[in-house]
């Protein structure tokens, strides 16, 4: 990937619906060169697709972050609890008073509560704080 490919990707990340003409103008290449580069980026798998991302307020269900403190010597010793819950999207070790930051997407507030209660009932869990996602303004990890 050269600087032009990177510029094309940056423009597409801002708005994947930009026209080829707009992208060509913004990266200083011809429309045909931009079209060919986008095609190669797609074929090589660098660009894996395009998607519609809804703001949190438009999504069905509910998202939340759980801050979790546990009593295990290592975070890896408690992760098995979270691997059994399909609604858990990420589980990350963090610094500070809490040990883990867990991101959950549930079908309903009732289901979110059930997941929280299940985690809280585990003997190795000392404390859990819930932060329900109300709005989303920036998500630069759309394809992650």
N, C-alpha and C. Protein backbone atom coordinates (compact mmCIF):
# COMPACT_ATOMS: atom_id res chain seq x y z
N UNK A 1 0.85 -1.19 0.00
CA UNK A 1 0.00 0.00 0.00
C UNK A 1 0.89 1.24 0.00
N UNK A 2 0.58 2.16 -0.89
CA UNK A 2 1.33 3.40 -0.93
C UNK A 2 0.48 4.54 -0.35
N UNK A 3 1.00 5.75 -0.44
CA UNK A 3 0.30 6.89 0.16
C UNK A 3 -1.06 7.13 -0.49
N UNK A 4 -1.20 6.81 -1.78
CA UNK A 4 -2.49 7.01 -2.43
C UNK A 4 -3.53 6.02 -1.92
N UNK A 5 -3.12 4.75 -1.77
CA UNK A 5 -4.04 3.76 -1.21
C UNK A 5 -4.48 4.16 0.19
N UNK A 6 -3.53 4.62 0.99
CA UNK A 6 -3.86 5.04 2.36
C UNK A 6 -4.80 6.23 2.35
N UNK A 7 -4.60 7.15 1.43
CA UNK A 7 -5.48 8.33 1.34
C UNK A 7 -6.88 7.91 0.88
N UNK A 8 -6.96 6.97 -0.05
CA UNK A 8 -8.26 6.47 -0.51
C UNK A 8 -9.00 5.81 0.65
N UNK A 9 -8.30 4.97 1.39
CA UNK A 9 -8.92 4.29 2.53
C UNK A 9 -9.38 5.30 3.58
N UNK A 10 -8.56 6.33 3.85
CA UNK A 10 -8.96 7.36 4.82
C UNK A 10 -10.22 8.07 4.36
N UNK A 11 -10.32 8.36 3.08
CA UNK A 11 -11.52 9.03 2.56
C UNK A 11 -12.73 8.11 2.65
N UNK A 12 -12.55 6.84 2.33
CA UNK A 12 -13.66 5.89 2.43
C UNK A 12 -14.09 5.69 3.88
N UNK A 13 -13.14 5.73 4.81
CA UNK A 13 -13.51 5.57 6.22
C UNK A 13 -14.34 6.76 6.71
N UNK A 14 -14.08 7.94 6.16
CA UNK A 14 -14.89 9.11 6.53
C UNK A 14 -16.32 8.93 6.03
N UNK A 15 -16.43 8.42 4.78
CA UNK A 15 -17.75 8.21 4.20
C UNK A 15 -17.59 7.26 3.03
N UNK A 16 -17.98 6.02 3.21
CA UNK A 16 -17.83 5.01 2.17
C UNK A 16 -18.72 5.26 0.96
N UNK A 17 -19.60 6.24 1.08
CA UNK A 17 -20.51 6.54 -0.03
C UNK A 17 -20.02 7.70 -0.89
N UNK A 18 -18.82 8.22 -0.60
CA UNK A 18 -18.27 9.26 -1.46
C UNK A 18 -18.17 8.75 -2.90
N UNK A 19 -18.42 9.62 -3.84
CA UNK A 19 -18.31 9.23 -5.25
C UNK A 19 -16.84 9.05 -5.62
N UNK A 20 -16.61 8.30 -6.69
CA UNK A 20 -15.24 8.12 -7.19
C UNK A 20 -14.65 9.48 -7.55
N UNK A 21 -15.47 10.37 -8.11
CA UNK A 21 -14.99 11.71 -8.46
C UNK A 21 -14.52 12.46 -7.23
N UNK A 22 -15.30 12.40 -6.16
CA UNK A 22 -14.92 13.09 -4.91
C UNK A 22 -13.61 12.52 -4.36
N UNK A 23 -13.50 11.19 -4.35
CA UNK A 23 -12.28 10.55 -3.83
C UNK A 23 -11.09 10.94 -4.71
N UNK A 24 -11.28 10.90 -6.02
CA UNK A 24 -10.20 11.26 -6.95
C UNK A 24 -9.72 12.68 -6.71
N UNK A 25 -10.66 13.60 -6.51
CA UNK A 25 -10.28 14.99 -6.23
C UNK A 25 -9.51 15.10 -4.91
N UNK A 26 -9.98 14.37 -3.90
CA UNK A 26 -9.36 14.51 -2.58
C UNK A 26 -7.97 13.87 -2.50
N UNK A 27 -7.69 12.86 -3.34
CA UNK A 27 -6.37 12.20 -3.29
C UNK A 27 -5.47 12.58 -4.47
N UNK A 28 -5.99 13.42 -5.34
CA UNK A 28 -5.19 13.93 -6.46
C UNK A 28 -4.84 12.85 -7.49
N UNK A 29 -5.80 12.02 -7.83
CA UNK A 29 -5.64 11.01 -8.87
C UNK A 29 -6.82 11.08 -9.83
N UNK A 30 -6.70 10.42 -10.97
CA UNK A 30 -7.82 10.36 -11.91
C UNK A 30 -8.89 9.40 -11.38
N UNK A 31 -10.10 9.55 -11.90
CA UNK A 31 -11.19 8.66 -11.49
C UNK A 31 -10.87 7.21 -11.82
N UNK A 32 -10.30 6.97 -13.00
CA UNK A 32 -9.99 5.60 -13.40
C UNK A 32 -8.91 4.99 -12.49
N UNK A 33 -7.92 5.80 -12.10
CA UNK A 33 -6.87 5.30 -11.19
C UNK A 33 -7.47 4.95 -9.83
N UNK A 34 -8.38 5.79 -9.33
CA UNK A 34 -9.02 5.53 -8.04
C UNK A 34 -9.88 4.28 -8.13
N UNK A 35 -10.66 4.14 -9.20
CA UNK A 35 -11.50 2.95 -9.37
C UNK A 35 -10.65 1.68 -9.39
N UNK A 36 -9.55 1.71 -10.13
CA UNK A 36 -8.66 0.55 -10.21
C UNK A 36 -8.04 0.23 -8.86
N UNK A 37 -7.61 1.25 -8.12
CA UNK A 37 -7.00 1.03 -6.81
C UNK A 37 -8.03 0.45 -5.82
N UNK A 38 -9.25 0.98 -5.83
CA UNK A 38 -10.29 0.46 -4.94
C UNK A 38 -10.57 -1.01 -5.28
N UNK A 39 -10.65 -1.31 -6.57
CA UNK A 39 -10.89 -2.69 -7.00
C UNK A 39 -9.78 -3.61 -6.49
N UNK A 40 -8.52 -3.18 -6.61
CA UNK A 40 -7.39 -4.00 -6.13
C UNK A 40 -7.41 -4.14 -4.61
N UNK A 41 -7.77 -3.06 -3.90
CA UNK A 41 -7.86 -3.13 -2.43
C UNK A 41 -8.96 -4.11 -2.00
N UNK A 42 -10.04 -4.14 -2.75
CA UNK A 42 -11.13 -5.09 -2.46
C UNK A 42 -10.69 -6.53 -2.77
N UNK A 43 -10.07 -6.73 -3.93
CA UNK A 43 -9.67 -8.07 -4.34
C UNK A 43 -8.59 -8.66 -3.42
N UNK A 44 -7.73 -7.80 -2.90
CA UNK A 44 -6.65 -8.28 -2.02
C UNK A 44 -7.14 -8.50 -0.58
N UNK A 45 -8.37 -8.07 -0.30
CA UNK A 45 -8.92 -8.26 1.04
C UNK A 45 -8.61 -7.15 2.01
N UNK A 46 -7.91 -6.12 1.56
CA UNK A 46 -7.64 -4.98 2.44
C UNK A 46 -8.95 -4.27 2.75
N UNK A 47 -9.76 -4.06 1.73
CA UNK A 47 -11.14 -3.58 1.94
C UNK A 47 -12.01 -4.83 1.87
N UNK A 48 -12.62 -5.17 3.02
CA UNK A 48 -13.40 -6.40 3.11
C UNK A 48 -14.88 -6.18 2.84
N UNK A 49 -15.30 -4.93 2.82
CA UNK A 49 -16.71 -4.68 2.56
C UNK A 49 -17.13 -3.31 3.05
N UNK A 50 -18.38 -3.03 2.83
CA UNK A 50 -18.98 -1.77 3.23
C UNK A 50 -20.21 -2.11 4.05
N UNK A 51 -20.50 -1.30 5.06
CA UNK A 51 -21.63 -1.63 5.90
C UNK A 51 -22.34 -0.38 6.39
N UNK A 52 -23.57 -0.57 6.78
CA UNK A 52 -24.36 0.50 7.39
C UNK A 52 -24.20 0.36 8.90
N UNK A 53 -23.79 1.43 9.55
CA UNK A 53 -23.65 1.42 11.01
C UNK A 53 -24.69 2.35 11.60
N UNK A 54 -25.53 1.81 12.46
CA UNK A 54 -26.57 2.61 13.09
C UNK A 54 -26.04 3.20 14.38
N UNK A 55 -26.52 4.38 14.71
CA UNK A 55 -26.18 4.95 16.01
C UNK A 55 -26.82 4.09 17.08
N UNK A 56 -26.27 4.12 18.27
CA UNK A 56 -26.79 3.28 19.36
C UNK A 56 -28.28 3.49 19.57
N UNK A 57 -28.75 4.74 19.40
CA UNK A 57 -30.16 5.02 19.66
C UNK A 57 -31.08 4.38 18.62
N UNK A 58 -30.53 3.95 17.47
CA UNK A 58 -31.35 3.34 16.43
C UNK A 58 -31.27 1.82 16.42
N UNK A 59 -30.39 1.25 17.22
CA UNK A 59 -30.22 -0.19 17.24
C UNK A 59 -31.28 -0.85 18.11
N UNK A 60 -31.58 -2.08 17.76
CA UNK A 60 -32.43 -2.90 18.62
C UNK A 60 -31.57 -3.38 19.77
N UNK A 61 -32.16 -3.57 20.91
CA UNK A 61 -31.41 -4.10 22.04
C UNK A 61 -30.69 -3.01 22.82
N UNK A 62 -29.71 -3.45 23.59
CA UNK A 62 -29.01 -2.54 24.48
C UNK A 62 -27.54 -2.95 24.56
N UNK A 63 -26.66 -1.94 24.70
CA UNK A 63 -25.23 -2.19 24.86
C UNK A 63 -24.79 -1.62 26.19
N UNK A 64 -23.76 -2.25 26.77
CA UNK A 64 -23.24 -1.76 28.04
C UNK A 64 -21.79 -2.18 28.20
N UNK A 65 -21.11 -1.44 29.07
CA UNK A 65 -19.77 -1.81 29.50
C UNK A 65 -19.87 -2.23 30.95
N UNK A 66 -19.25 -3.34 31.27
CA UNK A 66 -19.13 -3.76 32.66
C UNK A 66 -17.68 -3.54 33.08
N UNK A 67 -17.49 -2.82 34.18
CA UNK A 67 -16.18 -2.75 34.81
C UNK A 67 -16.18 -3.83 35.88
N UNK A 68 -15.19 -4.70 35.84
CA UNK A 68 -15.20 -5.86 36.72
C UNK A 68 -13.91 -5.96 37.52
N UNK A 69 -14.08 -6.22 38.81
CA UNK A 69 -12.95 -6.48 39.70
C UNK A 69 -13.08 -7.93 40.15
N UNK A 70 -11.96 -8.67 40.10
CA UNK A 70 -11.99 -10.08 40.49
C UNK A 70 -10.89 -10.39 41.50
N UNK A 71 -10.93 -11.59 42.06
CA UNK A 71 -9.95 -11.97 43.08
C UNK A 71 -8.90 -12.95 42.56
N UNK A 72 -8.90 -13.27 41.28
CA UNK A 72 -7.93 -14.22 40.72
C UNK A 72 -6.54 -13.59 40.62
N UNK A 73 -5.50 -14.41 40.68
CA UNK A 73 -4.15 -13.86 40.55
C UNK A 73 -3.89 -13.24 39.17
N UNK A 74 -4.55 -13.78 38.14
CA UNK A 74 -4.39 -13.27 36.78
C UNK A 74 -5.77 -13.13 36.12
N UNK A 75 -5.90 -12.14 35.25
CA UNK A 75 -7.17 -11.96 34.53
C UNK A 75 -7.52 -13.20 33.72
N UNK A 76 -6.51 -13.84 33.15
CA UNK A 76 -6.75 -15.02 32.32
C UNK A 76 -7.46 -16.14 33.11
N UNK A 77 -7.33 -16.11 34.43
CA UNK A 77 -7.95 -17.15 35.26
C UNK A 77 -9.47 -17.00 35.38
N UNK A 78 -10.01 -15.84 35.03
CA UNK A 78 -11.44 -15.60 35.18
C UNK A 78 -12.14 -15.43 33.82
N UNK A 79 -11.38 -15.33 32.75
CA UNK A 79 -11.95 -15.08 31.43
C UNK A 79 -12.91 -16.17 30.98
N UNK A 80 -12.71 -17.39 31.43
CA UNK A 80 -13.61 -18.49 31.05
C UNK A 80 -15.07 -18.18 31.35
N UNK A 81 -15.32 -17.38 32.37
CA UNK A 81 -16.69 -16.99 32.72
C UNK A 81 -17.34 -16.23 31.57
N UNK A 82 -16.58 -15.35 30.93
CA UNK A 82 -17.13 -14.48 29.89
C UNK A 82 -17.20 -15.17 28.53
N UNK A 83 -16.37 -16.17 28.32
CA UNK A 83 -16.36 -16.90 27.05
C UNK A 83 -17.63 -17.71 26.83
N UNK A 84 -18.37 -17.97 27.88
CA UNK A 84 -19.60 -18.76 27.76
C UNK A 84 -20.82 -17.91 27.41
N UNK A 85 -20.65 -16.59 27.37
CA UNK A 85 -21.78 -15.67 27.14
C UNK A 85 -21.66 -15.08 25.74
N UNK A 86 -22.53 -15.49 24.80
CA UNK A 86 -22.39 -15.04 23.41
C UNK A 86 -22.59 -13.53 23.21
N UNK A 87 -23.27 -12.89 24.11
CA UNK A 87 -23.52 -11.44 23.96
C UNK A 87 -22.28 -10.60 24.28
N UNK A 88 -21.27 -11.20 24.88
CA UNK A 88 -20.06 -10.44 25.21
C UNK A 88 -19.23 -10.28 23.94
N UNK A 89 -18.97 -9.03 23.60
CA UNK A 89 -18.25 -8.69 22.37
C UNK A 89 -16.75 -8.60 22.63
N UNK A 90 -16.36 -7.90 23.69
CA UNK A 90 -14.94 -7.79 24.04
C UNK A 90 -14.76 -7.91 25.54
N UNK A 91 -13.58 -8.36 25.93
CA UNK A 91 -13.19 -8.44 27.33
C UNK A 91 -11.72 -8.03 27.37
N UNK A 92 -11.44 -6.90 28.02
CA UNK A 92 -10.09 -6.35 28.01
C UNK A 92 -9.60 -6.10 29.42
N UNK A 93 -8.33 -6.40 29.65
CA UNK A 93 -7.70 -6.06 30.92
C UNK A 93 -7.40 -4.57 30.95
N UNK A 94 -7.66 -3.93 32.09
CA UNK A 94 -7.45 -2.48 32.20
C UNK A 94 -6.67 -2.17 33.48
N UNK A 95 -6.17 -0.93 33.55
CA UNK A 95 -5.48 -0.47 34.75
C UNK A 95 -6.48 0.23 35.65
N UNK A 96 -6.07 0.47 36.89
CA UNK A 96 -6.93 1.19 37.83
C UNK A 96 -7.53 0.25 38.85
N UNK A 97 -8.61 0.72 39.48
CA UNK A 97 -9.27 -0.06 40.53
C UNK A 97 -9.92 -1.32 40.01
N UNK A 98 -10.39 -1.28 38.78
CA UNK A 98 -11.07 -2.43 38.19
C UNK A 98 -10.07 -3.21 37.33
N UNK A 99 -10.36 -4.47 37.07
CA UNK A 99 -9.43 -5.34 36.35
C UNK A 99 -9.79 -5.54 34.89
N UNK A 100 -11.09 -5.58 34.60
CA UNK A 100 -11.55 -5.89 33.25
C UNK A 100 -12.60 -4.89 32.78
N UNK A 101 -12.63 -4.67 31.47
CA UNK A 101 -13.68 -3.89 30.84
C UNK A 101 -14.32 -4.80 29.80
N UNK A 102 -15.60 -5.10 30.01
CA UNK A 102 -16.33 -6.05 29.17
C UNK A 102 -17.43 -5.30 28.44
N UNK A 103 -17.48 -5.46 27.10
CA UNK A 103 -18.51 -4.83 26.29
C UNK A 103 -19.54 -5.88 25.91
N UNK A 104 -20.81 -5.56 26.16
CA UNK A 104 -21.92 -6.51 25.97
C UNK A 104 -22.98 -5.88 25.08
N UNK A 105 -23.50 -6.66 24.14
CA UNK A 105 -24.66 -6.26 23.34
C UNK A 105 -25.74 -7.29 23.56
N UNK A 106 -26.83 -6.89 24.20
CA UNK A 106 -27.91 -7.82 24.54
C UNK A 106 -29.19 -7.43 23.81
N UNK A 107 -30.07 -8.39 23.68
CA UNK A 107 -31.32 -8.16 22.94
C UNK A 107 -32.30 -7.27 23.70
N UNK A 108 -32.15 -7.21 25.03
CA UNK A 108 -33.07 -6.41 25.83
C UNK A 108 -32.41 -6.02 27.15
N UNK A 109 -33.02 -5.09 27.83
CA UNK A 109 -32.52 -4.71 29.15
C UNK A 109 -32.66 -5.89 30.11
N UNK A 110 -33.70 -6.66 29.94
CA UNK A 110 -33.90 -7.85 30.78
C UNK A 110 -32.73 -8.82 30.61
N UNK A 111 -32.34 -9.07 29.35
CA UNK A 111 -31.22 -9.98 29.09
C UNK A 111 -29.90 -9.41 29.62
N UNK A 112 -29.71 -8.12 29.49
CA UNK A 112 -28.50 -7.47 30.03
C UNK A 112 -28.45 -7.69 31.54
N UNK A 113 -29.58 -7.53 32.20
CA UNK A 113 -29.65 -7.74 33.65
C UNK A 113 -29.32 -9.19 34.01
N UNK A 114 -29.84 -10.14 33.23
CA UNK A 114 -29.54 -11.56 33.48
C UNK A 114 -28.04 -11.84 33.37
N UNK A 115 -27.42 -11.26 32.35
CA UNK A 115 -25.97 -11.45 32.15
C UNK A 115 -25.20 -10.86 33.33
N UNK A 116 -25.60 -9.67 33.74
CA UNK A 116 -24.93 -9.01 34.86
C UNK A 116 -25.08 -9.83 36.14
N UNK A 117 -26.27 -10.33 36.39
CA UNK A 117 -26.52 -11.13 37.58
C UNK A 117 -25.69 -12.42 37.56
N UNK A 118 -25.60 -13.04 36.40
CA UNK A 118 -24.81 -14.26 36.27
C UNK A 118 -23.34 -13.98 36.59
N UNK A 119 -22.79 -12.92 36.02
CA UNK A 119 -21.39 -12.57 36.27
C UNK A 119 -21.19 -12.25 37.74
N UNK A 120 -22.09 -11.46 38.30
CA UNK A 120 -21.98 -11.03 39.70
C UNK A 120 -22.05 -12.23 40.66
N UNK A 121 -22.72 -13.30 40.26
CA UNK A 121 -22.87 -14.47 41.13
C UNK A 121 -21.62 -15.37 41.14
N UNK A 122 -20.69 -15.13 40.25
CA UNK A 122 -19.47 -15.94 40.21
C UNK A 122 -18.61 -15.66 41.43
N UNK A 123 -18.07 -16.69 42.02
CA UNK A 123 -17.31 -16.53 43.28
C UNK A 123 -16.05 -15.68 43.13
N UNK A 124 -15.46 -15.66 41.96
CA UNK A 124 -14.23 -14.89 41.77
C UNK A 124 -14.48 -13.41 41.48
N UNK A 125 -15.73 -13.03 41.29
CA UNK A 125 -16.06 -11.63 40.99
C UNK A 125 -16.29 -10.88 42.30
N UNK A 126 -15.53 -9.80 42.48
CA UNK A 126 -15.66 -8.99 43.70
C UNK A 126 -16.65 -7.85 43.49
N UNK A 127 -16.54 -7.18 42.32
CA UNK A 127 -17.35 -5.98 42.09
C UNK A 127 -17.62 -5.85 40.60
N UNK A 128 -18.82 -5.36 40.28
CA UNK A 128 -19.18 -5.09 38.88
C UNK A 128 -19.92 -3.77 38.82
N UNK A 129 -19.48 -2.90 37.89
CA UNK A 129 -20.16 -1.62 37.64
C UNK A 129 -20.65 -1.64 36.20
N UNK A 130 -21.88 -1.20 36.00
CA UNK A 130 -22.48 -1.23 34.67
C UNK A 130 -22.63 0.17 34.11
N UNK A 131 -22.23 0.34 32.85
CA UNK A 131 -22.38 1.61 32.14
C UNK A 131 -23.16 1.32 30.87
N UNK A 132 -24.44 1.69 30.84
CA UNK A 132 -25.28 1.45 29.66
C UNK A 132 -24.97 2.51 28.61
N UNK A 133 -24.80 2.06 27.36
CA UNK A 133 -24.50 2.97 26.25
C UNK A 133 -25.79 3.66 25.83
N UNK A 134 -25.78 4.99 25.87
CA UNK A 134 -26.96 5.77 25.49
C UNK A 134 -26.84 6.30 24.05
N UNK A 135 -25.63 6.73 23.67
CA UNK A 135 -25.40 7.30 22.34
C UNK A 135 -24.00 6.93 21.88
N UNK A 136 -23.80 7.00 20.58
CA UNK A 136 -22.49 6.76 20.01
C UNK A 136 -22.22 7.84 18.97
N UNK A 137 -21.06 8.48 19.08
CA UNK A 137 -20.73 9.53 18.12
C UNK A 137 -19.58 9.14 17.21
N UNK A 138 -18.65 8.38 17.70
CA UNK A 138 -17.50 7.98 16.91
C UNK A 138 -17.27 6.49 17.08
N UNK A 139 -17.10 5.79 15.95
CA UNK A 139 -16.72 4.38 15.98
C UNK A 139 -15.77 4.15 14.82
N UNK A 140 -14.48 4.24 15.08
CA UNK A 140 -13.48 4.06 14.04
C UNK A 140 -13.10 2.60 13.87
N UNK A 141 -13.81 1.70 14.54
CA UNK A 141 -13.52 0.27 14.42
C UNK A 141 -14.66 -0.45 13.75
N UNK A 142 -15.25 0.16 12.76
CA UNK A 142 -16.43 -0.39 12.12
C UNK A 142 -16.22 -1.79 11.58
N UNK A 143 -15.07 -2.09 11.06
CA UNK A 143 -14.83 -3.40 10.44
C UNK A 143 -14.18 -4.38 11.39
N UNK A 144 -14.01 -4.02 12.62
CA UNK A 144 -13.32 -4.91 13.56
C UNK A 144 -14.19 -6.06 13.97
